[in-house]
């Protein structure tokens, strides 16, 4: 009966959750776009990186050829880094919503991996970076104001 009379519902950090979830999706999308342009994909007209001629022009030296192969190897690592960042931001958003009492932990995770996404997915096309930072900051500053206030019995002295 007491539950029916309370006007408050346990609140959740909905704005931080929504912003962080969308940020994680953009970060994953940025990783996919980065991998398609850097590593090539089947629909490209030129065939991706296979058509690059390493022995011509400025890359004719031995160092130029080594630099191209080193850069292509590091792009794959950065793409994996971007995908991991997107997954961690999405996981942080879901955990923030389900375990809202631990909002400082999940907000810090969202904020950190949103910043790290600059390396692996161009910051989620920059949109993911901005939304993730906003979501992380909102999660860090969120307080649960929906808790019902305990009613205490107060007796007032009556003087006749």
C-alpha atoms as a PDB file:
ATOM      1  CA  UNK A   1       0.000   0.000   0.000  1.00  0.00           C
ATOM      2  CA  UNK A   2       2.864   2.327   0.790  1.00  0.00           C
ATOM      3  CA  UNK A   3       4.337   1.702  -2.665  1.00  0.00           C
ATOM      4  CA  UNK A   4       1.148   2.786  -4.351  1.00  0.00           C
ATOM      5  CA  UNK A   5       1.171   6.116  -2.542  1.00  0.00           C
ATOM      6  CA  UNK A   6       4.733   6.998  -3.437  1.00  0.00           C
ATOM      7  CA  UNK A   7       4.828   9.315  -6.414  1.00  0.00           C
ATOM      8  CA  UNK A   8       8.369   8.542  -7.483  1.00  0.00           C
ATOM      9  CA  UNK A   9       9.669   5.862  -9.790  1.00  0.00           C
ATOM     10  CA  UNK A  10      13.301   4.756  -9.572  1.00  0.00           C
ATOM     11  CA  UNK A  11      15.011   7.010 -12.083  1.00  0.00           C
ATOM     12  CA  UNK A  12      17.560   5.906 -14.624  1.00  0.00           C
ATOM     13  CA  UNK A  13      20.130   7.987 -16.511  1.00  0.00           C
ATOM     14  CA  UNK A  14      18.138   7.798 -19.747  1.00  0.00           C
ATOM     15  CA  UNK A  15      19.781  10.758 -21.501  1.00  0.00           C
ATOM     16  CA  UNK A  16      23.288   9.499 -20.758  1.00  0.00           C
ATOM     17  CA  UNK A  17      22.284   5.991 -21.844  1.00  0.00           C
ATOM     18  CA  UNK A  18      20.761   7.149 -25.137  1.00  0.00           C
ATOM     19  CA  UNK A  19      23.653   9.440 -26.052  1.00  0.00           C
ATOM     20  CA  UNK A  20      26.237   6.798 -25.191  1.00  0.00           C
ATOM     21  CA  UNK A  21      24.428   4.073 -27.096  1.00  0.00           C
ATOM     22  CA  UNK A  22      24.203   6.194 -30.240  1.00  0.00           C
ATOM     23  CA  UNK A  23      27.865   7.158 -29.779  1.00  0.00           C
ATOM     24  CA  UNK A  24      28.875   3.499 -29.648  1.00  0.00           C
ATOM     25  CA  UNK A  25      26.991   2.808 -32.870  1.00  0.00           C
ATOM     26  CA  UNK A  26      28.714   5.739 -34.580  1.00  0.00           C
ATOM     27  CA  UNK A  27      32.115   4.575 -33.328  1.00  0.00           C
ATOM     28  CA  UNK A  28      31.479   1.094 -34.772  1.00  0.00           C
ATOM     29  CA  UNK A  29      30.300   2.684 -38.022  1.00  0.00           C
ATOM     30  CA  UNK A  30      33.464   4.804 -38.133  1.00  0.00           C
ATOM     31  CA  UNK A  31      35.585   1.684 -37.702  1.00  0.00           C
ATOM     32  CA  UNK A  32      33.842  -0.026 -40.592  1.00  0.00           C
ATOM     33  CA  UNK A  33      34.242   3.044 -42.820  1.00  0.00           C
ATOM     34  CA  UNK A  34      37.906   3.364 -41.879  1.00  0.00           C
ATOM     35  CA  UNK A  35      38.548  -0.290 -42.655  1.00  0.00           C
ATOM     36  CA  UNK A  36      36.793  -0.057 -46.007  1.00  0.00           C
ATOM     37  CA  UNK A  37      38.835   2.906 -47.179  1.00  0.00           C
ATOM     38  CA  UNK A  38      42.148   1.861 -45.668  1.00  0.00           C
ATOM     39  CA  UNK A  39      42.124  -1.868 -46.379  1.00  0.00           C
ATOM     40  CA  UNK A  40      39.890  -1.894 -49.419  1.00  0.00           C
ATOM     41  CA  UNK A  41      36.570  -3.610 -49.957  1.00  0.00           C
ATOM     42  CA  UNK A  42      35.248  -5.757 -52.813  1.00  0.00           C
ATOM     43  CA  UNK A  43      33.140  -2.998 -54.360  1.00  0.00           C
ATOM     44  CA  UNK A  44      36.042  -0.634 -54.970  1.00  0.00           C
ATOM     45  CA  UNK A  45      36.860   0.042 -58.591  1.00  0.00           C
ATOM     46  CA  UNK A  46      40.618   0.038 -58.086  1.00  0.00           C
ATOM     47  CA  UNK A  47      40.708  -3.155 -56.040  1.00  0.00           C
ATOM     48  CA  UNK A  48      41.831  -1.578 -52.789  1.00  0.00           C
ATOM     49  CA  UNK A  49      45.507  -1.551 -51.918  1.00  0.00           C
ATOM     50  CA  UNK A  50      46.496  -4.233 -54.432  1.00  0.00           C
ATOM     51  CA  UNK A  51      46.673  -1.709 -57.274  1.00  0.00           C
ATOM     52  CA  UNK A  52      49.128   0.598 -55.506  1.00  0.00           C
ATOM     53  CA  UNK A  53      52.430   0.661 -57.335  1.00  0.00           C
ATOM     54  CA  UNK A  54      55.120   0.792 -54.706  1.00  0.00           C
ATOM     55  CA  UNK A  55      58.119   1.106 -56.992  1.00  0.00           C
ATOM     56  CA  UNK A  56      57.233   4.356 -58.744  1.00  0.00           C
ATOM     57  CA  UNK A  57      57.667   8.039 -57.967  1.00  0.00           C
ATOM     58  CA  UNK A  58      58.460   9.059 -54.402  1.00  0.00           C
ATOM     59  CA  UNK A  59      58.063   5.520 -53.082  1.00  0.00           C
ATOM     60  CA  UNK A  60      60.755   4.125 -55.365  1.00  0.00           C
ATOM     61  CA  UNK A  61      63.267   3.891 -52.557  1.00  0.00           C
ATOM     62  CA  UNK A  62      63.506   0.920 -50.264  1.00  0.00           C
ATOM     63  CA  UNK A  63      62.359   3.000 -47.292  1.00  0.00           C
ATOM     64  CA  UNK A  64      59.212   4.115 -49.138  1.00  0.00           C
ATOM     65  CA  UNK A  65      58.185   0.533 -49.852  1.00  0.00           C
ATOM     66  CA  UNK A  66      58.758  -0.428 -46.233  1.00  0.00           C
ATOM     67  CA  UNK A  67      56.722   2.539 -45.006  1.00  0.00           C
ATOM     68  CA  UNK A  68      53.701   1.595 -47.127  1.00  0.00           C
ATOM     69  CA  UNK A  69      53.682  -1.977 -45.824  1.00  0.00           C
ATOM     70  CA  UNK A  70      54.180  -0.769 -42.223  1.00  0.00           C
ATOM     71  CA  UNK A  71      51.304   1.703 -42.544  1.00  0.00           C
ATOM     72  CA  UNK A  72      48.967  -0.927 -43.974  1.00  0.00           C
ATOM     73  CA  UNK A  73      49.818  -3.291 -41.116  1.00  0.00           C
ATOM     74  CA  UNK A  74      49.121  -0.639 -38.489  1.00  0.00           C
ATOM     75  CA  UNK A  75      45.755   0.280 -40.014  1.00  0.00           C
ATOM     76  CA  UNK A  76      44.431  -3.196 -39.259  1.00  0.00           C
ATOM     77  CA  UNK A  77      45.466  -2.793 -35.617  1.00  0.00           C
ATOM     78  CA  UNK A  78      43.765   0.605 -35.450  1.00  0.00           C
ATOM     79  CA  UNK A  79      40.561  -0.789 -36.961  1.00  0.00           C
ATOM     80  CA  UNK A  80      40.468  -3.514 -34.310  1.00  0.00           C
ATOM     81  CA  UNK A  81      41.111  -0.806 -31.712  1.00  0.00           C
ATOM     82  CA  UNK A  82      38.155   1.201 -33.058  1.00  0.00           C
ATOM     83  CA  UNK A  83      35.818  -1.796 -33.015  1.00  0.00           C
ATOM     84  CA  UNK A  84      36.840  -2.565 -29.429  1.00  0.00           C
ATOM     85  CA  UNK A  85      36.200   1.084 -28.472  1.00  0.00           C
ATOM     86  CA  UNK A  86      32.714   0.991 -29.983  1.00  0.00           C
ATOM     87  CA  UNK A  87      31.866  -2.256 -28.220  1.00  0.00           C
ATOM     88  CA  UNK A  88      33.096  -0.886 -24.884  1.00  0.00           C
ATOM     89  CA  UNK A  89      31.043   2.310 -25.257  1.00  0.00           C
ATOM     90  CA  UNK A  90      27.909   0.278 -26.036  1.00  0.00           C
ATOM     91  CA  UNK A  91      28.636  -2.084 -23.131  1.00  0.00           C
ATOM     92  CA  UNK A  92      29.192   0.892 -20.832  1.00  0.00           C
ATOM     93  CA  UNK A  93      25.877   2.425 -21.923  1.00  0.00           C
ATOM     94  CA  UNK A  94      23.936  -0.794 -21.313  1.00  0.00           C
ATOM     95  CA  UNK A  95      25.586  -1.338 -17.945  1.00  0.00           C
ATOM     96  CA  UNK A  96      24.906   2.288 -17.010  1.00  0.00           C
ATOM     97  CA  UNK A  97      21.218   1.724 -17.625  1.00  0.00           C
ATOM     98  CA  UNK A  98      21.009  -1.626 -15.842  1.00  0.00           C
ATOM     99  CA  UNK A  99      23.301  -0.722 -12.920  1.00  0.00           C
ATOM    100  CA  UNK A 100      22.646   2.972 -12.526  1.00  0.00           C
ATOM    101  CA  UNK A 101      24.027   3.015  -8.964  1.00  0.00           C
ATOM    102  CA  UNK A 102      27.513   2.545 -10.478  1.00  0.00           C
ATOM    103  CA  UNK A 103      27.142   5.583 -12.717  1.00  0.00           C
ATOM    104  CA  UNK A 104      30.633   6.931 -11.983  1.00  0.00           C
ATOM    105  CA  UNK A 105      32.355   3.745 -13.167  1.00  0.00           C
ATOM    106  CA  UNK A 106      30.335   3.379 -16.355  1.00  0.00           C
ATOM    107  CA  UNK A 107      30.506   7.096 -17.110  1.00  0.00           C
ATOM    108  CA  UNK A 108      34.302   6.989 -16.852  1.00  0.00           C
ATOM    109  CA  UNK A 109      34.444   3.942 -19.140  1.00  0.00           C
ATOM    110  CA  UNK A 110      32.189   5.628 -21.705  1.00  0.00           C
ATOM    111  CA  UNK A 111      34.238   8.826 -21.578  1.00  0.00           C
ATOM    112  CA  UNK A 112      37.595   7.043 -21.821  1.00  0.00           C
ATOM    113  CA  UNK A 113      36.685   4.789 -24.734  1.00  0.00           C
ATOM    114  CA  UNK A 114      35.004   7.658 -26.561  1.00  0.00           C
ATOM    115  CA  UNK A 115      38.280   9.557 -26.402  1.00  0.00           C
ATOM    116  CA  UNK A 116      40.274   6.481 -27.434  1.00  0.00           C
ATOM    117  CA  UNK A 117      38.021   6.083 -30.476  1.00  0.00           C
ATOM    118  CA  UNK A 118      39.889   8.969 -32.123  1.00  0.00           C
ATOM    119  CA  UNK A 119      42.665   6.510 -32.963  1.00  0.00           C
ATOM    120  CA  UNK A 120      40.668   3.611 -34.280  1.00  0.00           C
ATOM    121  CA  UNK A 121      37.563   5.028 -35.886  1.00  0.00           C
ATOM    122  CA  UNK A 122      38.173   8.725 -36.449  1.00  0.00           C
ATOM    123  CA  UNK A 123      36.170   9.417 -33.316  1.00  0.00           C
ATOM    124  CA  UNK A 124      33.128   7.665 -34.739  1.00  0.00           C
ATOM    125  CA  UNK A 125      33.086  10.086 -37.660  1.00  0.00           C
ATOM    126  CA  UNK A 126      33.506  12.778 -34.977  1.00  0.00           C
ATOM    127  CA  UNK A 127      29.830  12.428 -34.060  1.00  0.00           C
ATOM    128  CA  UNK A 128      30.524   9.390 -31.873  1.00  0.00           C
ATOM    129  CA  UNK A 129      33.276  11.241 -30.044  1.00  0.00           C
ATOM    130  CA  UNK A 130      31.061  14.225 -29.214  1.00  0.00           C
ATOM    131  CA  UNK A 131      28.021  12.143 -28.240  1.00  0.00           C
ATOM    132  CA  UNK A 132      30.162   9.767 -26.188  1.00  0.00           C
ATOM    133  CA  UNK A 133      31.773  12.616 -24.297  1.00  0.00           C
ATOM    134  CA  UNK A 134      28.376  14.175 -23.588  1.00  0.00           C
ATOM    135  CA  UNK A 135      26.962  10.814 -22.490  1.00  0.00           C
ATOM    136  CA  UNK A 136      29.959  10.089 -20.281  1.00  0.00           C
ATOM    137  CA  UNK A 137      29.811  13.505 -18.630  1.00  0.00           C
ATOM    138  CA  UNK A 138      26.065  13.166 -18.058  1.00  0.00           C
ATOM    139  CA  UNK A 139      26.633   9.732 -16.543  1.00  0.00           C
ATOM    140  CA  UNK A 140      29.324  11.067 -14.220  1.00  0.00           C
ATOM    141  CA  UNK A 141      27.138  13.934 -13.003  1.00  0.00           C
ATOM    142  CA  UNK A 142      23.865  11.990 -12.761  1.00  0.00           C
ATOM    143  CA  UNK A 143      22.240  11.651  -9.338  1.00  0.00           C
ATOM    144  CA  UNK A 144      19.283   9.511  -8.375  1.00  0.00           C
ATOM    145  CA  UNK A 145      16.625  12.002  -7.317  1.00  0.00           C
ATOM    146  CA  UNK A 146      13.751   9.582  -7.718  1.00  0.00           C
ATOM    147  CA  UNK A 147      14.176   7.805  -4.398  1.00  0.00           C
ATOM    148  CA  UNK A 148      11.121   8.037  -2.188  1.00  0.00           C
ATOM    149  CA  UNK A 149      11.563  10.147   0.899  1.00  0.00           C
ATOM    150  CA  UNK A 150      11.184   8.251   4.143  1.00  0.00           C
ATOM    151  CA  UNK A 151       8.218   9.537   6.059  1.00  0.00           C
ATOM    152  CA  UNK A 152       8.863  10.074   9.706  1.00  0.00           C
ATOM    153  CA  UNK A 153       6.236  10.591  12.286  1.00  0.00           C
ATOM    154  CA  UNK A 154       6.450  14.061  13.722  1.00  0.00           C
ATOM    155  CA  UNK A 155       4.369  14.985  16.721  1.00  0.00           C
ATOM    156  CA  UNK A 156       3.729  18.601  17.388  1.00  0.00           C
ATOM    157  CA  UNK A 157       3.177  19.732  20.931  1.00  0.00           C
ATOM    158  CA  UNK A 158      -0.282  20.978  21.532  1.00  0.00           C
ATOM    159  CA  UNK A 159      -0.791  23.611  24.108  1.00  0.00           C
ATOM    160  CA  UNK A 160      -4.205  24.324  25.412  1.00  0.00           C
END
